[in-house]
Amino acid sequence: MRSFRQTLVGLLILFITIQFIRTKKNIAAGPDPRDILTIHPAPPEVQKILRNACYDCHSNTTRYPWYAEIQPLSLWLASHVKNGKQHLNFSTFFDYPAKRADAKLEAAADAVAEAEMPLPSYTFAHSDARLTPEQIKALTDWITAVRSRILASEPETHE
């Protein structure tokens, strides 16, 4: 019983100690002119879908829930955001070369259509990110239109 109590006290001390570890927040100072919505405007419904279901992990502006201040959840969230932005960052979308932008959007549309995105762990805590079939269609249709514009604007290369 004594070792159980000692273990419990040790875990409590560890939990309290890690609360002093602060993660950097993913919050931009303002709108980024390289954002996909600046370059490729979307209907209001699609903008809402992107902001509710995508931008927290795939942009430079994350809306943080209350539990983001509690460790180790804060570290877990920071890791998800970092990983999401490595795959696709809507805030710096203009920086991608045309072929890479097209490939990223194709992968995003596939992930949304196959219900792989948004992640279940995200939609569990963010009910507004659960996409209906109509929302999935609106988002994937917009992505298809953006991909067409990107490919149409790409200069031809002759090999």
Protein backbone atom coordinates (compact mmCIF):
# COMPACT_ATOMS: atom_id res chain seq x y z
CA MET A 1 0.00 0.00 0.00
CA ARG A 2 2.87 2.35 0.82
CA SER A 3 4.53 1.88 -2.58
CA PHE A 4 1.19 2.54 -4.31
CA ARG A 5 0.85 5.79 -2.37
CA GLN A 6 4.43 6.77 -3.17
CA THR A 7 3.85 6.05 -6.85
CA LEU A 8 0.65 8.09 -6.81
CA VAL A 9 2.40 11.04 -5.10
CA GLY A 10 5.29 10.77 -7.58
CA LEU A 11 2.87 10.84 -10.52
CA LEU A 12 1.05 13.83 -9.03
CA ILE A 13 4.33 15.71 -8.60
CA LEU A 14 5.31 14.84 -12.18
CA PHE A 15 1.91 16.00 -13.48
CA ILE A 16 2.21 19.31 -11.61
CA THR A 17 5.81 19.81 -12.74
CA ILE A 18 5.05 19.31 -16.44
CA GLN A 19 2.41 22.03 -16.24
CA PHE A 20 5.30 24.53 -16.29
CA ILE A 21 6.27 23.37 -19.80
CA ARG A 22 4.73 25.82 -22.26
CA THR A 23 4.28 25.10 -25.93
CA LYS A 24 4.44 27.79 -28.58
CA LYS A 25 0.99 28.69 -29.85
CA ASN A 26 0.20 28.55 -33.56
CA ILE A 27 -1.44 31.96 -33.83
CA ALA A 28 -0.56 34.31 -36.69
CA ALA A 29 -0.46 38.05 -36.14
CA GLY A 30 -2.95 38.62 -38.93
CA PRO A 31 -4.23 37.29 -42.23
CA ASP A 32 -1.53 35.96 -44.52
CA PRO A 33 -1.59 37.22 -48.13
CA ARG A 34 -0.34 33.76 -49.21
CA ASP A 35 -3.47 32.06 -47.81
CA ILE A 36 -5.38 29.81 -50.20
CA LEU A 37 -8.61 31.77 -49.61
CA THR A 38 -6.86 35.00 -50.62
CA ILE A 39 -5.63 33.48 -53.85
CA HIS A 40 -8.57 31.19 -54.58
CA PRO A 41 -11.71 32.67 -52.99
CA ALA A 42 -14.31 30.16 -51.87
CA PRO A 43 -18.05 30.39 -51.32
CA PRO A 44 -18.98 31.25 -47.71
CA GLU A 45 -20.04 27.65 -47.01
CA VAL A 46 -16.64 26.30 -48.10
CA GLN A 47 -14.82 29.00 -46.13
CA LYS A 48 -16.75 27.95 -43.04
CA ILE A 49 -15.90 24.27 -43.63
CA LEU A 50 -12.21 25.08 -44.06
CA ARG A 51 -12.10 27.22 -40.92
CA ASN A 52 -14.07 24.73 -38.78
CA ALA A 53 -12.61 21.47 -40.02
CA CYS A 54 -9.18 22.21 -41.50
CA TYR A 55 -7.50 25.44 -40.42
CA ASP A 56 -6.78 24.50 -36.81
CA CYS A 57 -4.19 21.95 -37.97
CA HIS A 58 -3.49 23.11 -41.52
CA SER A 59 -2.88 26.85 -41.17
CA ASN A 60 -0.92 29.35 -39.11
CA THR A 61 -3.91 30.10 -36.92
CA THR A 62 -5.24 27.53 -34.47
CA ARG A 63 -8.29 28.01 -32.27
CA TYR A 64 -7.22 26.49 -28.97
CA PRO A 65 -9.72 24.79 -26.66
CA TRP A 66 -9.47 25.21 -22.89
CA TYR A 67 -7.65 21.90 -22.44
CA ALA A 68 -4.77 23.13 -24.62
CA GLU A 69 -3.29 24.65 -21.46
CA ILE A 70 -2.99 21.27 -19.73
CA GLN A 71 0.09 19.11 -20.22
CA PRO A 72 0.59 16.62 -21.78
CA LEU A 73 -2.44 17.54 -23.96
CA SER A 74 -0.77 20.78 -25.02
CA LEU A 75 2.28 18.89 -26.31
CA TRP A 76 0.02 16.41 -28.12
CA LEU A 77 -1.93 19.24 -29.78
CA ALA A 78 1.27 21.05 -30.77
CA SER A 79 2.54 17.84 -32.36
CA HIS A 80 -0.70 17.40 -34.34
CA VAL A 81 -0.59 20.99 -35.59
CA LYS A 82 3.08 20.74 -36.57
CA ASN A 83 2.43 17.49 -38.43
CA GLY A 84 -0.68 18.88 -40.12
CA LYS A 85 1.16 21.97 -41.33
CA GLN A 86 3.99 19.83 -42.70
CA HIS A 87 1.47 18.00 -44.89
CA LEU A 88 -0.49 21.07 -45.97
CA ASN A 89 -0.45 24.66 -44.79
CA PHE A 90 -3.33 26.73 -46.18
CA SER A 91 -1.78 29.92 -44.78
CA THR A 92 1.30 29.63 -46.99
CA PHE A 93 -0.36 27.90 -49.94
CA PHE A 94 0.95 30.46 -52.45
CA ASP A 95 4.51 29.32 -51.65
CA TYR A 96 3.90 25.87 -53.15
CA PRO A 97 4.93 25.38 -56.78
CA ALA A 98 1.92 24.58 -59.00
CA LYS A 99 2.54 20.83 -59.25
CA ARG A 100 3.09 20.51 -55.51
CA ALA A 101 -0.01 22.61 -54.74
CA ASP A 102 -2.05 20.41 -57.06
CA ALA A 103 -0.73 17.23 -55.44
CA LYS A 104 -1.45 18.55 -51.95
CA LEU A 105 -5.01 19.48 -52.90
CA GLU A 106 -5.55 16.12 -54.59
CA ALA A 107 -4.41 14.34 -51.41
CA ALA A 108 -6.62 16.61 -49.29
CA ALA A 109 -9.69 15.95 -51.45
CA ASP A 110 -9.06 12.20 -51.31
CA ALA A 111 -8.63 12.27 -47.53
CA VAL A 112 -11.86 14.25 -47.07
CA ALA A 113 -13.82 12.08 -49.53
CA GLU A 114 -12.63 8.91 -47.78
CA ALA A 115 -13.49 10.37 -44.33
CA GLU A 116 -9.84 10.23 -43.25
CA MET A 117 -9.90 13.97 -42.60
CA PRO A 118 -10.69 15.64 -40.34
CA LEU A 119 -9.24 13.12 -37.91
CA PRO A 120 -11.70 11.35 -35.61
CA SER A 121 -9.71 12.60 -32.60
CA TYR A 122 -10.39 16.15 -33.83
CA THR A 123 -14.08 15.72 -34.61
CA PHE A 124 -14.60 14.09 -31.21
CA ALA A 125 -13.86 17.43 -29.55
CA HIS A 126 -15.06 19.68 -32.40
CA SER A 127 -18.54 18.66 -33.46
CA ASP A 128 -18.68 21.54 -35.97
CA ALA A 129 -15.88 19.79 -37.89
CA ARG A 130 -17.96 16.67 -38.57
CA LEU A 131 -18.69 16.93 -42.26
CA THR A 132 -21.99 15.99 -43.83
CA PRO A 133 -22.04 14.40 -47.30
CA GLU A 134 -23.17 17.77 -48.68
CA GLN A 135 -20.25 19.57 -47.04
CA ILE A 136 -17.81 16.96 -48.32
CA LYS A 137 -19.16 17.45 -51.84
CA ALA A 138 -18.99 21.25 -51.59
CA LEU A 139 -15.40 21.11 -50.31
CA THR A 140 -14.19 18.55 -52.84
CA ASP A 141 -15.93 20.39 -55.71
CA TRP A 142 -14.18 23.61 -54.69
CA ILE A 143 -10.84 21.81 -54.42
CA THR A 144 -11.36 20.36 -57.92
CA ALA A 145 -12.06 23.85 -59.27
CA VAL A 146 -8.96 25.26 -57.57
CA ARG A 147 -6.83 22.41 -58.94
CA SER A 148 -8.12 23.19 -62.45
CA ARG A 149 -7.17 26.86 -62.06
CA ILE A 150 -3.73 25.94 -60.72
CA LEU A 151 -3.01 23.57 -63.58
CA ALA A 152 -4.37 26.04 -66.16
CA SER A 153 -2.05 28.77 -64.87
CA GLU A 154 1.03 26.54 -64.83
CA PRO A 155 3.44 27.43 -67.62
CA GLU A 156 3.97 24.67 -70.14
CA THR A 157 7.29 22.89 -69.98
CA HIS A 158 8.82 21.26 -73.00
CA GLU A 159 11.03 18.27 -72.43
